[in-house]
Amino acid sequence: MHTTISIPQLETIAFQRIENENFITGEVDFNPTYGVYTGYLQITPTICIDFTDSKFCLADEGEKIAEISSDLERAVENYLRDNYSIEMNEDEYDFADMRIKLQKEY
């Protein structure tokens, strides 16, 4: 099933969902080691903002239909940061940095 709504209309819906914090559903995972979000935020019954590995796009039932505007991307990033980021203490950052360095060496 593919959408017949225009991309600007979908972005308008997405901005409204962000402003009102009323997504239909969503799944968000945050990896503090890499600072990466993975998941989606459902804006219509079939359309979502997909941000797997922080690559933002609109998807219709899992199939990419369009890139999102830079304004919407910033709004989604702010929403994710405000609602899903977790704070790490200095030791956790040091451990994450060390782990990344070790992974690059091998």
Protein backbone atom coordinates (compact mmCIF):
# COMPACT_ATOMS: atom_id res chain seq x y z
CA MET A 1 0.00 0.00 0.00
CA HIS A 2 1.44 3.33 -1.01
CA THR A 3 0.42 6.78 0.04
CA THR A 4 -1.21 9.42 -2.11
CA ILE A 5 -0.50 12.25 0.33
CA SER A 6 2.18 14.69 -0.78
CA ILE A 7 5.51 14.87 1.02
CA PRO A 8 4.86 18.48 2.21
CA GLN A 9 1.53 17.35 3.69
CA LEU A 10 3.28 14.47 5.47
CA GLU A 11 5.91 16.83 6.85
CA THR A 12 3.16 19.14 8.13
CA ILE A 13 1.58 16.17 9.92
CA ALA A 14 4.99 15.20 11.32
CA PHE A 15 5.61 18.71 12.68
CA GLN A 16 2.17 18.63 14.35
CA ARG A 17 2.90 15.23 15.89
CA ILE A 18 6.23 16.51 17.25
CA GLU A 19 4.69 19.69 18.63
CA ASN A 20 1.86 17.82 20.34
CA GLU A 21 3.97 14.75 21.20
CA ASN A 22 1.20 12.50 19.90
CA PHE A 23 2.72 9.95 17.55
CA ILE A 24 0.48 6.98 16.76
CA THR A 25 3.21 4.63 17.92
CA GLY A 26 6.94 4.39 17.76
CA GLU A 27 10.00 2.50 18.73
CA VAL A 28 13.16 4.34 19.71
CA ASP A 29 16.49 2.94 20.79
CA PHE A 30 19.39 5.19 21.75
CA ASN A 31 22.97 3.94 21.73
CA PRO A 32 24.85 6.33 24.05
CA THR A 33 28.22 4.90 23.04
CA TYR A 34 27.80 6.12 19.47
CA GLY A 35 25.11 8.76 20.05
CA VAL A 36 22.87 7.05 17.48
CA TYR A 37 19.10 6.63 17.40
CA THR A 38 17.43 3.67 15.74
CA GLY A 39 13.73 3.24 15.21
CA TYR A 40 10.67 5.06 13.95
CA LEU A 41 7.86 7.42 14.91
CA GLN A 42 4.49 6.65 13.29
CA ILE A 43 2.78 9.79 11.91
CA THR A 44 -0.14 8.18 9.99
CA PRO A 45 -1.51 4.64 10.10
CA THR A 46 1.01 3.54 7.44
CA ILE A 47 3.66 6.30 7.32
CA CYS A 48 6.48 6.84 9.77
CA ILE A 49 9.63 8.85 10.19
CA ASP A 50 12.35 6.21 10.09
CA PHE A 51 15.68 7.11 11.66
CA THR A 52 17.58 3.87 11.60
CA ASP A 53 21.19 4.69 12.47
CA SER A 54 20.24 8.39 12.41
CA LYS A 55 19.51 8.37 8.66
CA PHE A 56 16.16 10.11 8.50
CA CYS A 57 13.46 9.40 5.91
CA LEU A 58 9.73 8.90 5.49
CA ALA A 59 8.68 5.28 5.08
CA ASP A 60 5.37 3.74 4.02
CA GLU A 61 4.91 0.38 5.74
CA GLY A 62 8.69 -0.02 5.97
CA GLU A 63 9.53 1.12 2.44
CA LYS A 64 11.39 4.42 2.06
CA ILE A 65 9.34 6.97 0.16
CA ALA A 66 11.29 10.22 0.66
CA GLU A 67 14.08 12.01 2.45
CA ILE A 68 12.87 14.53 5.00
CA SER A 69 13.65 18.23 4.96
CA SER A 70 16.51 19.53 7.07
CA ASP A 71 13.99 21.47 9.22
CA LEU A 72 12.03 18.32 10.00
CA GLU A 73 15.23 16.38 10.63
CA ARG A 74 16.36 18.99 13.20
CA ALA A 75 12.92 18.92 14.84
CA VAL A 76 13.02 15.12 15.10
CA GLU A 77 16.59 15.18 16.44
CA ASN A 78 15.56 17.70 19.11
CA TYR A 79 12.51 15.61 19.99
CA LEU A 80 14.63 12.45 20.28
CA ARG A 81 17.31 14.21 22.31
CA ASP A 82 14.73 15.71 24.68
CA ASN A 83 12.72 12.52 25.14
CA TYR A 84 15.03 9.56 24.59
CA SER A 85 18.65 10.50 25.35
CA ILE A 86 20.18 9.25 28.53
CA GLU A 87 22.89 11.00 30.43
CA MET A 88 26.13 9.14 30.99
CA ASN A 89 28.63 9.96 33.69
CA GLU A 90 32.28 10.64 32.84
CA ASP A 91 33.38 7.05 33.54
CA GLU A 92 30.83 5.72 31.05
CA TYR A 93 32.09 8.12 28.37
CA ASP A 94 35.69 7.06 29.05
CA PHE A 95 34.73 3.39 28.80
CA ALA A 96 32.82 4.00 25.55
CA ASP A 97 35.77 5.89 24.05
CA MET A 98 38.18 3.12 25.04
CA ARG A 99 35.88 0.47 23.56
CA ILE A 100 35.59 2.34 20.25
CA LYS A 101 39.39 2.73 20.07
CA LEU A 102 39.90 -0.96 20.75
CA GLN A 103 37.37 -1.94 18.10
CA LYS A 104 39.16 0.23 15.52
CA GLU A 105 42.48 -1.45 16.31
CA TYR A 106 41.14 -4.93 15.53
